[in-house]
Amino acid sequence: TAYSLATQLVDAVACAHAAGVIHCDIKPENVL
């Protein structure tokens, strides 16, 4: 479970960075 969630989080931010978008507030409360 932890590995799956971790992979999804990494992939989400990778997609944003590929588009030139920085999140600036990655924390567990912002991960749904």
PDB file of all heavy atoms in Angstrom:
ATOM      1  N   THR A   1       0.829  -1.206   0.000  1.00  0.00           N
ATOM      2  CA  THR A   1       0.000   0.000   0.000  1.00  0.00           C
ATOM      3  C   THR A   1       0.861   1.253   0.000  1.00  0.00           C
ATOM      4  O   THR A   1       0.642   2.188  -0.784  1.00  0.00           O
ATOM      5  CB  THR A   1      -0.929   0.015   1.225  1.00  0.00           C
ATOM      6  OG1 THR A   1      -1.823  -1.102   1.147  1.00  0.00           O
ATOM      7  CG2 THR A   1      -1.742   1.302   1.284  1.00  0.00           C
ATOM      8  N   ALA A   2       1.868   1.279   0.874  1.00  0.00           N
ATOM      9  CA  ALA A   2       2.731   2.458   0.961  1.00  0.00           C
ATOM     10  C   ALA A   2       3.485   2.680  -0.346  1.00  0.00           C
ATOM     11  O   ALA A   2       3.604   3.821  -0.821  1.00  0.00           O
ATOM     12  CB  ALA A   2       3.713   2.294   2.126  1.00  0.00           C
ATOM     13  N   TYR A   3       3.968   1.601  -0.959  1.00  0.00           N
ATOM     14  CA  TYR A   3       4.736   1.739  -2.192  1.00  0.00           C
ATOM     15  C   TYR A   3       3.840   2.244  -3.324  1.00  0.00           C
ATOM     16  O   TYR A   3       4.242   3.098  -4.120  1.00  0.00           O
ATOM     17  CB  TYR A   3       5.374   0.419  -2.594  1.00  0.00           C
ATOM     18  CG  TYR A   3       6.284   0.537  -3.788  1.00  0.00           C
ATOM     19  CD1 TYR A   3       7.576   1.027  -3.649  1.00  0.00           C
ATOM     20  CD2 TYR A   3       5.846   0.194  -5.064  1.00  0.00           C
ATOM     21  CE1 TYR A   3       8.414   1.173  -4.755  1.00  0.00           C
ATOM     22  CE2 TYR A   3       6.671   0.330  -6.173  1.00  0.00           C
ATOM     23  CZ  TYR A   3       7.955   0.810  -6.004  1.00  0.00           C
ATOM     24  OH  TYR A   3       8.768   0.964  -7.105  1.00  0.00           O
ATOM     25  N   SER A   4       2.609   1.732  -3.391  1.00  0.00           N
ATOM     26  CA  SER A   4       1.672   2.184  -4.420  1.00  0.00           C
ATOM     27  C   SER A   4       1.350   3.666  -4.256  1.00  0.00           C
ATOM     28  O   SER A   4       1.381   4.439  -5.232  1.00  0.00           O
ATOM     29  CB  SER A   4       0.382   1.362  -4.354  1.00  0.00           C
ATOM     30  OG  SER A   4      -0.605   1.906  -5.221  1.00  0.00           O
ATOM     31  N   LEU A   5       1.054   4.098  -3.034  1.00  0.00           N
ATOM     32  CA  LEU A   5       0.734   5.505  -2.796  1.00  0.00           C
ATOM     33  C   LEU A   5       1.940   6.394  -3.088  1.00  0.00           C
ATOM     34  O   LEU A   5       1.809   7.473  -3.676  1.00  0.00           O
ATOM     35  CB  LEU A   5       0.260   5.689  -1.352  1.00  0.00           C
ATOM     36  CG  LEU A   5      -1.079   5.043  -0.996  1.00  0.00           C
ATOM     37  CD1 LEU A   5      -1.356   5.185   0.500  1.00  0.00           C
ATOM     38  CD2 LEU A   5      -2.231   5.634  -1.802  1.00  0.00           C
ATOM     39  N   ALA A   6       3.121   5.924  -2.691  1.00  0.00           N
ATOM     40  CA  ALA A   6       4.336   6.697  -2.941  1.00  0.00           C
ATOM     41  C   ALA A   6       4.569   6.880  -4.436  1.00  0.00           C
ATOM     42  O   ALA A   6       4.906   7.974  -4.908  1.00  0.00           O
ATOM     43  CB  ALA A   6       5.536   6.002  -2.293  1.00  0.00           C
ATOM     44  N   THR A   7       4.382   5.809  -5.190  1.00  0.00           N
ATOM     45  CA  THR A   7       4.590   5.860  -6.635  1.00  0.00           C
ATOM     46  C   THR A   7       3.604   6.822  -7.294  1.00  0.00           C
ATOM     47  O   THR A   7       3.978   7.613  -8.176  1.00  0.00           O
ATOM     48  CB  THR A   7       4.455   4.455  -7.248  1.00  0.00           C
ATOM     49  OG1 THR A   7       5.415   3.581  -6.635  1.00  0.00           O
ATOM     50  CG2 THR A   7       4.684   4.483  -8.749  1.00  0.00           C
ATOM     51  N   GLN A   8       2.359   6.787  -6.854  1.00  0.00           N
ATOM     52  CA  GLN A   8       1.354   7.689  -7.410  1.00  0.00           C
ATOM     53  C   GLN A   8       1.691   9.152  -7.109  1.00  0.00           C
ATOM     54  O   GLN A   8       1.511  10.034  -7.964  1.00  0.00           O
ATOM     55  CB  GLN A   8      -0.025   7.350  -6.844  1.00  0.00           C
ATOM     56  CG  GLN A   8      -0.574   6.002  -7.309  1.00  0.00           C
ATOM     57  CD  GLN A   8      -1.925   5.709  -6.676  1.00  0.00           C
ATOM     58  OE1 GLN A   8      -2.922   6.352  -6.992  1.00  0.00           O
ATOM     59  NE2 GLN A   8      -1.958   4.739  -5.778  1.00  0.00           N
ATOM     60  N   LEU A   9       2.175   9.422  -5.889  1.00  0.00           N
ATOM     61  CA  LEU A   9       2.548  10.787  -5.533  1.00  0.00           C
ATOM     62  C   LEU A   9       3.709  11.278  -6.393  1.00  0.00           C
ATOM     63  O   LEU A   9       3.676  12.386  -6.942  1.00  0.00           O
ATOM     64  CB  LEU A   9       2.926  10.849  -4.051  1.00  0.00           C
ATOM     65  CG  LEU A   9       3.469  12.188  -3.544  1.00  0.00           C
ATOM     66  CD1 LEU A   9       2.444  13.305  -3.742  1.00  0.00           C
ATOM     67  CD2 LEU A   9       3.879  12.080  -2.079  1.00  0.00           C
ATOM     68  N   VAL A  10       4.729  10.451  -6.533  1.00  0.00           N
ATOM     69  CA  VAL A  10       5.892  10.818  -7.345  1.00  0.00           C
ATOM     70  C   VAL A  10       5.472  11.081  -8.791  1.00  0.00           C
ATOM     71  O   VAL A  10       5.896  12.063  -9.409  1.00  0.00           O
ATOM     72  CB  VAL A  10       6.958   9.709  -7.270  1.00  0.00           C
ATOM     73  CG1 VAL A  10       8.057   9.938  -8.307  1.00  0.00           C
ATOM     74  CG2 VAL A  10       7.567   9.654  -5.866  1.00  0.00           C
ATOM     75  N   ASP A  11       4.622  10.212  -9.330  1.00  0.00           N
ATOM     76  CA  ASP A  11       4.180  10.377 -10.717  1.00  0.00           C
ATOM     77  C   ASP A  11       3.354  11.652 -10.909  1.00  0.00           C
ATOM     78  O   ASP A  11       3.456  12.321 -11.951  1.00  0.00           O
ATOM     79  CB  ASP A  11       3.368   9.157 -11.157  1.00  0.00           C
ATOM     80  CG  ASP A  11       4.226   7.928 -11.371  1.00  0.00           C
ATOM     81  OD1 ASP A  11       5.461   8.056 -11.420  1.00  0.00           O
ATOM     82  OD2 ASP A  11       3.658   6.816 -11.484  1.00  0.00           O
ATOM     83  N   ALA A  12       2.536  12.000  -9.899  1.00  0.00           N
ATOM     84  CA  ALA A  12       1.714  13.210  -9.992  1.00  0.00           C
ATOM     85  C   ALA A  12       2.593  14.453 -10.085  1.00  0.00           C
ATOM     86  O   ALA A  12       2.386  15.329 -10.941  1.00  0.00           O
ATOM     87  CB  ALA A  12       0.789  13.311  -8.782  1.00  0.00           C
ATOM     88  N   VAL A  13       3.592  14.529  -9.217  1.00  0.00           N
ATOM     89  CA  VAL A  13       4.456  15.710  -9.213  1.00  0.00           C
ATOM     90  C   VAL A  13       5.338  15.734 -10.461  1.00  0.00           C
ATOM     91  O   VAL A  13       5.621  16.799 -11.018  1.00  0.00           O
ATOM     92  CB  VAL A  13       5.306  15.770  -7.930  1.00  0.00           C
ATOM     93  CG1 VAL A  13       6.081  17.083  -7.884  1.00  0.00           C
ATOM     94  CG2 VAL A  13       4.423  15.663  -6.692  1.00  0.00           C
ATOM     95  N   ALA A  14       5.741  14.554 -10.926  1.00  0.00           N
ATOM     96  CA  ALA A  14       6.529  14.491 -12.162  1.00  0.00           C
ATOM     97  C   ALA A  14       5.738  15.062 -13.336  1.00  0.00           C
ATOM     98  O   ALA A  14       6.289  15.791 -14.179  1.00  0.00           O
ATOM     99  CB  ALA A  14       6.942  13.055 -12.452  1.00  0.00           C
ATOM    100  N   CYS A  15       4.445  14.754 -13.402  1.00  0.00           N
ATOM    101  CA  CYS A  15       3.591  15.295 -14.468  1.00  0.00           C
ATOM    102  C   CYS A  15       3.542  16.829 -14.383  1.00  0.00           C
ATOM    103  O   CYS A  15       3.665  17.521 -15.398  1.00  0.00           O
ATOM    104  CB  CYS A  15       2.180  14.715 -14.352  1.00  0.00           C
ATOM    105  SG  CYS A  15       0.947  15.519 -15.413  1.00  0.00           S
ATOM    106  N   ALA A  16       3.389  17.348 -13.172  1.00  0.00           N
ATOM    107  CA  ALA A  16       3.336  18.794 -12.998  1.00  0.00           C
ATOM    108  C   ALA A  16       4.647  19.451 -13.409  1.00  0.00           C
ATOM    109  O   ALA A  16       4.657  20.458 -14.126  1.00  0.00           O
ATOM    110  CB  ALA A  16       3.011  19.134 -11.547  1.00  0.00           C
ATOM    111  N   HIS A  17       5.754  18.862 -12.980  1.00  0.00           N
ATOM    112  CA  HIS A  17       7.054  19.444 -13.316  1.00  0.00           C
ATOM    113  C   HIS A  17       7.319  19.394 -14.819  1.00  0.00           C
ATOM    114  O   HIS A  17       7.937  20.308 -15.376  1.00  0.00           O
ATOM    115  CB  HIS A  17       8.162  18.726 -12.545  1.00  0.00           C
ATOM    116  CG  HIS A  17       8.209  19.084 -11.095  1.00  0.00           C
ATOM    117  ND1 HIS A  17       9.190  18.640 -10.238  1.00  0.00           N
ATOM    118  CD2 HIS A  17       7.388  19.876 -10.336  1.00  0.00           C
ATOM    119  CE1 HIS A  17       8.970  19.135  -9.031  1.00  0.00           C
ATOM    120  NE2 HIS A  17       7.872  19.875  -9.060  1.00  0.00           N
ATOM    121  N   ALA A  18       6.837  18.353 -15.469  1.00  0.00           N
ATOM    122  CA  ALA A  18       6.998  18.265 -16.923  1.00  0.00           C
ATOM    123  C   ALA A  18       6.270  19.410 -17.619  1.00  0.00           C
ATOM    124  O   ALA A  18       6.670  19.856 -18.703  1.00  0.00           O
ATOM    125  CB  ALA A  18       6.488  16.921 -17.431  1.00  0.00           C
ATOM    126  N   ALA A  19       5.208  19.899 -16.975  1.00  0.00           N
ATOM    127  CA  ALA A  19       4.447  21.021 -17.536  1.00  0.00           C
ATOM    128  C   ALA A  19       4.941  22.367 -17.008  1.00  0.00           C
ATOM    129  O   ALA A  19       4.340  23.406 -17.292  1.00  0.00           O
ATOM    130  CB  ALA A  19       2.964  20.845 -17.211  1.00  0.00           C
ATOM    131  N   GLY A  20       6.016  22.349 -16.211  1.00  0.00           N
ATOM    132  CA  GLY A  20       6.560  23.587 -15.687  1.00  0.00           C
ATOM    133  C   GLY A  20       5.841  24.133 -14.478  1.00  0.00           C
ATOM    134  O   GLY A  20       5.992  25.302 -14.128  1.00  0.00           O
ATOM    135  N   VAL A  21       5.058  23.285 -13.792  1.00  0.00           N
ATOM    136  CA  VAL A  21       4.268  23.726 -12.632  1.00  0.00           C
ATOM    137  C   VAL A  21       4.908  23.217 -11.343  1.00  0.00           C
ATOM    138  O   VAL A  21       5.169  22.023 -11.205  1.00  0.00           O
ATOM    139  CB  VAL A  21       2.816  23.207 -12.724  1.00  0.00           C
ATOM    140  CG1 VAL A  21       2.029  23.606 -11.475  1.00  0.00           C
ATOM    141  CG2 VAL A  21       2.138  23.742 -13.973  1.00  0.00           C
ATOM    142  N   ILE A  22       5.154  24.121 -10.410  1.00  0.00           N
ATOM    143  CA  ILE A  22       5.656  23.774  -9.081  1.00  0.00           C
ATOM    144  C   ILE A  22       4.482  23.794  -8.116  1.00  0.00           C
ATOM    145  O   ILE A  22       3.668  24.724  -8.133  1.00  0.00           O
ATOM    146  CB  ILE A  22       6.732  24.774  -8.612  1.00  0.00           C
ATOM    147  CG1 ILE A  22       7.837  24.919  -9.655  1.00  0.00           C
ATOM    148  CG2 ILE A  22       7.314  24.346  -7.269  1.00  0.00           C
ATOM    149  CD1 ILE A  22       8.815  26.041  -9.346  1.00  0.00           C
ATOM    150  N   HIS A  23       4.379  22.775  -7.256  1.00  0.00           N
ATOM    151  CA  HIS A  23       3.246  22.703  -6.339  1.00  0.00           C
ATOM    152  C   HIS A  23       3.405  23.673  -5.172  1.00  0.00           C
ATOM    153  O   HIS A  23       2.495  24.423  -4.838  1.00  0.00           O
ATOM    154  CB  HIS A  23       3.076  21.285  -5.805  1.00  0.00           C
ATOM    155  CG  HIS A  23       1.817  21.095  -5.011  1.00  0.00           C
ATOM    156  ND1 HIS A  23       1.691  21.529  -3.701  1.00  0.00           N
ATOM    157  CD2 HIS A  23       0.625  20.523  -5.328  1.00  0.00           C
ATOM    158  CE1 HIS A  23       0.479  21.231  -3.253  1.00  0.00           C
ATOM    159  NE2 HIS A  23      -0.190  20.624  -4.225  1.00  0.00           N
ATOM    160  N   CYS A  24       4.548  23.634  -4.499  1.00  0.00           N
ATOM    161  CA  CYS A  24       4.904  24.530  -3.395  1.00  0.00           C
ATOM    162  C   CYS A  24       4.289  24.173  -2.043  1.00  0.00           C
ATOM    163  O   CYS A  24       4.612  24.822  -1.041  1.00  0.00           O
ATOM    164  CB  CYS A  24       4.545  25.994  -3.692  1.00  0.00           C
ATOM    165  SG  CYS A  24       5.645  26.754  -4.901  1.00  0.00           S
ATOM    166  N   ASP A  25       3.416  23.178  -1.960  1.00  0.00           N
ATOM    167  CA  ASP A  25       2.827  22.852  -0.648  1.00  0.00           C
ATOM    168  C   ASP A  25       2.473  21.364  -0.582  1.00  0.00           C
ATOM    169  O   ASP A  25       1.347  21.002  -0.254  1.00  0.00           O
ATOM    170  CB  ASP A  25       1.600  23.715  -0.386  1.00  0.00           C
ATOM    171  CG  ASP A  25       1.240  23.781   1.099  1.00  0.00           C
ATOM    172  OD1 ASP A  25       2.121  23.480   1.936  1.00  0.00           O
ATOM    173  OD2 ASP A  25       0.094  24.118   1.428  1.00  0.00           O
ATOM    174  N   ILE A  26       3.448  20.512  -0.886  1.00  0.00           N
ATOM    175  CA  ILE A  26       3.219  19.068  -0.831  1.00  0.00           C
ATOM    176  C   ILE A  26       3.288  18.626   0.621  1.00  0.00           C
ATOM    177  O   ILE A  26       4.316  18.775   1.287  1.00  0.00           O
ATOM    178  CB  ILE A  26       4.263  18.315  -1.679  1.00  0.00           C
ATOM    179  CG1 ILE A  26       4.124  18.702  -3.151  1.00  0.00           C
ATOM    180  CG2 ILE A  26       4.107  16.804  -1.513  1.00  0.00           C
ATOM    181  CD1 ILE A  26       5.266  18.208  -4.021  1.00  0.00           C
ATOM    182  N   LYS A  27       2.185  18.123   1.122  1.00  0.00           N
ATOM    183  CA  LYS A  27       2.093  17.636   2.499  1.00  0.00           C
ATOM    184  C   LYS A  27       0.956  16.616   2.555  1.00  0.00           C
ATOM    185  O   LYS A  27       0.091  16.589   1.660  1.00  0.00           O
ATOM    186  CB  LYS A  27       1.820  18.785   3.465  1.00  0.00           C
ATOM    187  CG  LYS A  27       0.537  19.560   3.174  1.00  0.00           C
ATOM    188  CD  LYS A  27       0.364  20.725   4.138  1.00  0.00           C
ATOM    189  CE  LYS A  27      -0.924  21.508   3.843  1.00  0.00           C
ATOM    190  NZ  LYS A  27      -1.113  22.627   4.779  1.00  0.00           N
ATOM    191  N   PRO A  28       0.935  15.760   3.580  1.00  0.00           N
ATOM    192  CA  PRO A  28      -0.085  14.693   3.629  1.00  0.00           C
ATOM    193  C   PRO A  28      -1.522  15.197   3.583  1.00  0.00           C
ATOM    194  O   PRO A  28      -2.396  14.520   3.048  1.00  0.00           O
ATOM    195  CB  PRO A  28       0.224  13.987   4.952  1.00  0.00           C
ATOM    196  CG  PRO A  28       1.677  14.220   5.163  1.00  0.00           C
ATOM    197  CD  PRO A  28       1.937  15.612   4.654  1.00  0.00           C
ATOM    198  N   GLU A  29      -1.775  16.397   4.130  1.00  0.00           N
ATOM    199  CA  GLU A  29      -3.146  16.925   4.100  1.00  0.00           C
ATOM    200  C   GLU A  29      -3.600  17.297   2.704  1.00  0.00           C
ATOM    201  O   GLU A  29      -4.808  17.381   2.442  1.00  0.00           O
ATOM    202  CB  GLU A  29      -3.257  18.157   5.017  1.00  0.00           C
ATOM    203  CG  GLU A  29      -3.103  17.853   6.490  1.00  0.00           C
ATOM    204  CD  GLU A  29      -1.657  17.861   6.960  1.00  0.00           C
ATOM    205  OE1 GLU A  29      -0.734  17.868   6.102  1.00  0.00           O
ATOM    206  OE2 GLU A  29      -1.437  17.860   8.181  1.00  0.00           O
ATOM    207  N   ASN A  30      -2.664  17.537   1.796  1.00  0.00           N
ATOM    208  CA  ASN A  30      -3.006  17.879   0.413  1.00  0.00           C
ATOM    209  C   ASN A  30      -2.973  16.677  -0.517  1.00  0.00           C
ATOM    210  O   ASN A  30      -3.103  16.826  -1.736  1.00  0.00           O
ATOM    211  CB  ASN A  30      -2.055  18.953  -0.122  1.00  0.00           C
ATOM    212  CG  ASN A  30      -2.389  20.335   0.415  1.00  0.00           C
ATOM    213  OD1 ASN A  30      -3.505  20.572   0.867  1.00  0.00           O
ATOM    214  ND2 ASN A  30      -1.424  21.234   0.382  1.00  0.00           N
ATOM    215  N   VAL A  31      -2.791  15.490   0.057  1.00  0.00           N
ATOM    216  CA  VAL A  31      -2.801  14.249  -0.722  1.00  0.00           C
ATOM    217  C   VAL A  31      -4.079  13.499  -0.357  1.00  0.00           C
ATOM    218  O   VAL A  31      -4.265  13.091   0.794  1.00  0.00           O
ATOM    219  CB  VAL A  31      -1.557  13.388  -0.416  1.00  0.00           C
ATOM    220  CG1 VAL A  31      -1.602  12.090  -1.208  1.00  0.00           C
ATOM    221  CG2 VAL A  31      -0.278  14.162  -0.733  1.00  0.00           C
ATOM    222  N   LEU A  32      -4.978  13.350  -1.325  1.00  0.00           N
ATOM    223  CA  LEU A  32      -6.296  12.769  -1.078  1.00  0.00           C
ATOM    224  C   LEU A  32      -6.352  11.333  -1.594  1.00  0.00           C
ATOM    225  O   LEU A  32      -5.778  11.027  -2.645  1.00  0.00           O
ATOM    226  CB  LEU A  32      -7.391  13.606  -1.751  1.00  0.00           C
ATOM    227  CG  LEU A  32      -7.765  14.965  -1.141  1.00  0.00           C
ATOM    228  CD1 LEU A  32      -8.201  14.795   0.305  1.00  0.00           C
ATOM    229  CD2 LEU A  32      -6.631  15.970  -1.238  1.00  0.00           C
TER     230      LEU A  32
END
